[in-house]
C-alpha atoms as a PDB file:
ATOM      1  CA  UNK A   1      -0.003   0.001   0.016  1.00  0.00           C
ATOM      2  CA  UNK A   2       1.420   3.342  -1.008  1.00  0.00           C
ATOM      3  CA  UNK A   3       1.183   6.450   1.182  1.00  0.00           C
ATOM      4  CA  UNK A   4      -1.265   8.055  -1.272  1.00  0.00           C
ATOM      5  CA  UNK A   5      -3.606   5.044  -1.147  1.00  0.00           C
ATOM      6  CA  UNK A   6      -3.451   5.107   2.680  1.00  0.00           C
ATOM      7  CA  UNK A   7      -4.466   8.749   2.595  1.00  0.00           C
ATOM      8  CA  UNK A   8      -7.342   7.882   0.298  1.00  0.00           C
ATOM      9  CA  UNK A   9      -8.590   5.270   2.768  1.00  0.00           C
ATOM     10  CA  UNK A  10      -8.523   7.794   5.618  1.00  0.00           C
ATOM     11  CA  UNK A  11     -10.297  10.526   3.665  1.00  0.00           C
ATOM     12  CA  UNK A  12     -12.859   8.101   2.212  1.00  0.00           C
ATOM     13  CA  UNK A  13     -13.840   6.800   5.664  1.00  0.00           C
ATOM     14  CA  UNK A  14     -17.574   7.121   6.142  1.00  0.00           C
ATOM     15  CA  UNK A  15     -18.761   9.682   8.674  1.00  0.00           C
ATOM     16  CA  UNK A  16     -19.625   8.622  12.225  1.00  0.00           C
ATOM     17  CA  UNK A  17     -22.958  10.136  13.295  1.00  0.00           C
ATOM     18  CA  UNK A  18     -22.479  12.800  10.650  1.00  0.00           C
ATOM     19  CA  UNK A  19     -18.883  13.516  11.733  1.00  0.00           C
ATOM     20  CA  UNK A  20     -15.701  12.673   9.905  1.00  0.00           C
ATOM     21  CA  UNK A  21     -12.639  11.344  11.711  1.00  0.00           C
ATOM     22  CA  UNK A  22     -11.288  14.898  11.835  1.00  0.00           C
ATOM     23  CA  UNK A  23     -14.334  15.925  13.845  1.00  0.00           C
ATOM     24  CA  UNK A  24     -13.687  13.438  16.662  1.00  0.00           C
ATOM     25  CA  UNK A  25     -12.380  14.947  19.897  1.00  0.00           C
ATOM     26  CA  UNK A  26      -9.871  13.263  22.178  1.00  0.00           C
ATOM     27  CA  UNK A  27     -10.635  12.796  25.908  1.00  0.00           C
ATOM     28  CA  UNK A  28      -8.390  15.784  26.703  1.00  0.00           C
ATOM     29  CA  UNK A  29     -10.364  17.997  24.304  1.00  0.00           C
ATOM     30  CA  UNK A  30     -13.678  16.740  25.746  1.00  0.00           C
ATOM     31  CA  UNK A  31     -12.421  17.423  29.291  1.00  0.00           C
ATOM     32  CA  UNK A  32     -11.441  20.954  28.312  1.00  0.00           C
ATOM     33  CA  UNK A  33     -14.777  21.577  26.585  1.00  0.00           C
ATOM     34  CA  UNK A  34     -16.858  20.305  29.516  1.00  0.00           C
ATOM     35  CA  UNK A  35     -14.399  21.631  32.144  1.00  0.00           C
ATOM     36  CA  UNK A  36     -14.351  18.315  34.015  1.00  0.00           C
ATOM     37  CA  UNK A  37     -11.646  15.943  35.241  1.00  0.00           C
ATOM     38  CA  UNK A  38     -10.727  12.679  33.572  1.00  0.00           C
ATOM     39  CA  UNK A  39     -12.442  10.753  36.386  1.00  0.00           C
ATOM     40  CA  UNK A  40     -15.684  12.682  35.822  1.00  0.00           C
ATOM     41  CA  UNK A  41     -15.475  12.169  32.050  1.00  0.00           C
ATOM     42  CA  UNK A  42     -15.022   8.436  32.535  1.00  0.00           C
ATOM     43  CA  UNK A  43     -17.859   8.287  35.054  1.00  0.00           C
ATOM     44  CA  UNK A  44     -20.226  10.109  32.681  1.00  0.00           C
ATOM     45  CA  UNK A  45     -19.412   7.581  29.945  1.00  0.00           C
ATOM     46  CA  UNK A  46     -19.740   4.612  32.292  1.00  0.00           C
ATOM     47  CA  UNK A  47     -23.155   5.832  33.471  1.00  0.00           C
ATOM     48  CA  UNK A  48     -24.286   6.362  29.887  1.00  0.00           C
ATOM     49  CA  UNK A  49     -24.790  10.102  30.323  1.00  0.00           C
ATOM     50  CA  UNK A  50     -22.182  11.027  27.696  1.00  0.00           C
ATOM     51  CA  UNK A  51     -21.972   9.276  24.358  1.00  0.00           C
ATOM     52  CA  UNK A  52     -18.726   8.388  22.619  1.00  0.00           C
ATOM     53  CA  UNK A  53     -17.259   6.479  19.679  1.00  0.00           C
ATOM     54  CA  UNK A  54     -14.567   3.822  20.120  1.00  0.00           C
ATOM     55  CA  UNK A  55     -11.669   4.149  17.681  1.00  0.00           C
ATOM     56  CA  UNK A  56      -9.279   1.272  18.207  1.00  0.00           C
ATOM     57  CA  UNK A  57      -9.156   1.104  22.004  1.00  0.00           C
ATOM     58  CA  UNK A  58      -9.686   4.818  22.558  1.00  0.00           C
ATOM     59  CA  UNK A  59     -12.852   6.811  23.183  1.00  0.00           C
ATOM     60  CA  UNK A  60     -13.569   9.773  20.921  1.00  0.00           C
ATOM     61  CA  UNK A  61     -16.310  12.352  21.277  1.00  0.00           C
ATOM     62  CA  UNK A  62     -18.196  14.144  18.512  1.00  0.00           C
ATOM     63  CA  UNK A  63     -19.334  17.739  18.923  1.00  0.00           C
ATOM     64  CA  UNK A  64     -22.865  16.294  18.914  1.00  0.00           C
ATOM     65  CA  UNK A  65     -22.065  14.077  21.933  1.00  0.00           C
ATOM     66  CA  UNK A  66     -20.712  17.055  23.881  1.00  0.00           C
ATOM     67  CA  UNK A  67     -23.436  19.554  22.966  1.00  0.00           C
ATOM     68  CA  UNK A  68     -26.211  17.018  23.608  1.00  0.00           C
ATOM     69  CA  UNK A  69     -24.782  16.394  27.094  1.00  0.00           C
ATOM     70  CA  UNK A  70     -24.627  20.124  27.856  1.00  0.00           C
ATOM     71  CA  UNK A  71     -28.161  20.614  26.530  1.00  0.00           C
ATOM     72  CA  UNK A  72     -29.488  17.842  28.782  1.00  0.00           C
ATOM     73  CA  UNK A  73     -27.730  19.402  31.801  1.00  0.00           C
ATOM     74  CA  UNK A  74     -29.116  22.864  31.187  1.00  0.00           C
ATOM     75  CA  UNK A  75     -31.929  23.948  33.474  1.00  0.00           C
ATOM     76  CA  UNK A  76     -34.330  26.723  32.603  1.00  0.00           C
ATOM     77  CA  UNK A  77     -34.713  29.693  34.917  1.00  0.00           C
ATOM     78  CA  UNK A  78     -37.999  30.094  36.803  1.00  0.00           C
ATOM     79  CA  UNK A  79     -39.483  33.108  38.570  1.00  0.00           C
ATOM     80  CA  UNK A  80     -37.063  32.613  41.457  1.00  0.00           C
ATOM     81  CA  UNK A  81     -33.390  32.375  40.615  1.00  0.00           C
ATOM     82  CA  UNK A  82     -30.209  31.204  42.286  1.00  0.00           C
ATOM     83  CA  UNK A  83     -29.209  27.970  43.966  1.00  0.00           C
ATOM     84  CA  UNK A  84     -32.346  27.881  46.128  1.00  0.00           C
ATOM     85  CA  UNK A  85     -34.502  27.728  42.977  1.00  0.00           C
ATOM     86  CA  UNK A  86     -32.736  24.538  41.818  1.00  0.00           C
ATOM     87  CA  UNK A  87     -31.484  25.891  38.470  1.00  0.00           C
ATOM     88  CA  UNK A  88     -27.844  25.065  39.149  1.00  0.00           C
ATOM     89  CA  UNK A  89     -26.102  22.712  36.714  1.00  0.00           C
ATOM     90  CA  UNK A  90     -23.991  20.124  38.478  1.00  0.00           C
ATOM     91  CA  UNK A  91     -21.837  17.752  36.499  1.00  0.00           C
ATOM     92  CA  UNK A  92     -19.653  16.028  39.137  1.00  0.00           C
ATOM     93  CA  UNK A  93     -20.583  13.871  42.086  1.00  0.00           C
ATOM     94  CA  UNK A  94     -23.343  15.098  44.379  1.00  0.00           C
ATOM     95  CA  UNK A  95     -22.240  16.684  47.592  1.00  0.00           C
ATOM     96  CA  UNK A  96     -22.802  14.687  50.703  1.00  0.00           C
ATOM     97  CA  UNK A  97     -23.459  16.106  54.128  1.00  0.00           C
ATOM     98  CA  UNK A  98     -21.600  14.831  57.131  1.00  0.00           C
ATOM     99  CA  UNK A  99     -23.461  13.887  60.259  1.00  0.00           C
ATOM    100  CA  UNK A 100     -21.522  13.604  63.471  1.00  0.00           C
END
């Protein structure tokens, strides 16, 4: 296989969910976009809250995966606002209260 035919295979790869291979984001890019840690990113995938594509042994994330996740996490504002109104978006683990 010549280098030019290898390039043709890569560019002729069918899109994944409407995205080409160039549109797939690495875990580091997804972490930066969502502003979460690697542990949180892995947990979101494990719980099925964030979609991904497996390329080889690696996870890749389309822009659609990331924006769908953010859209599902977005809460609409009501008459009252602020944390007491419940319109706070939380991505990480829920906070626990200590009882002594």
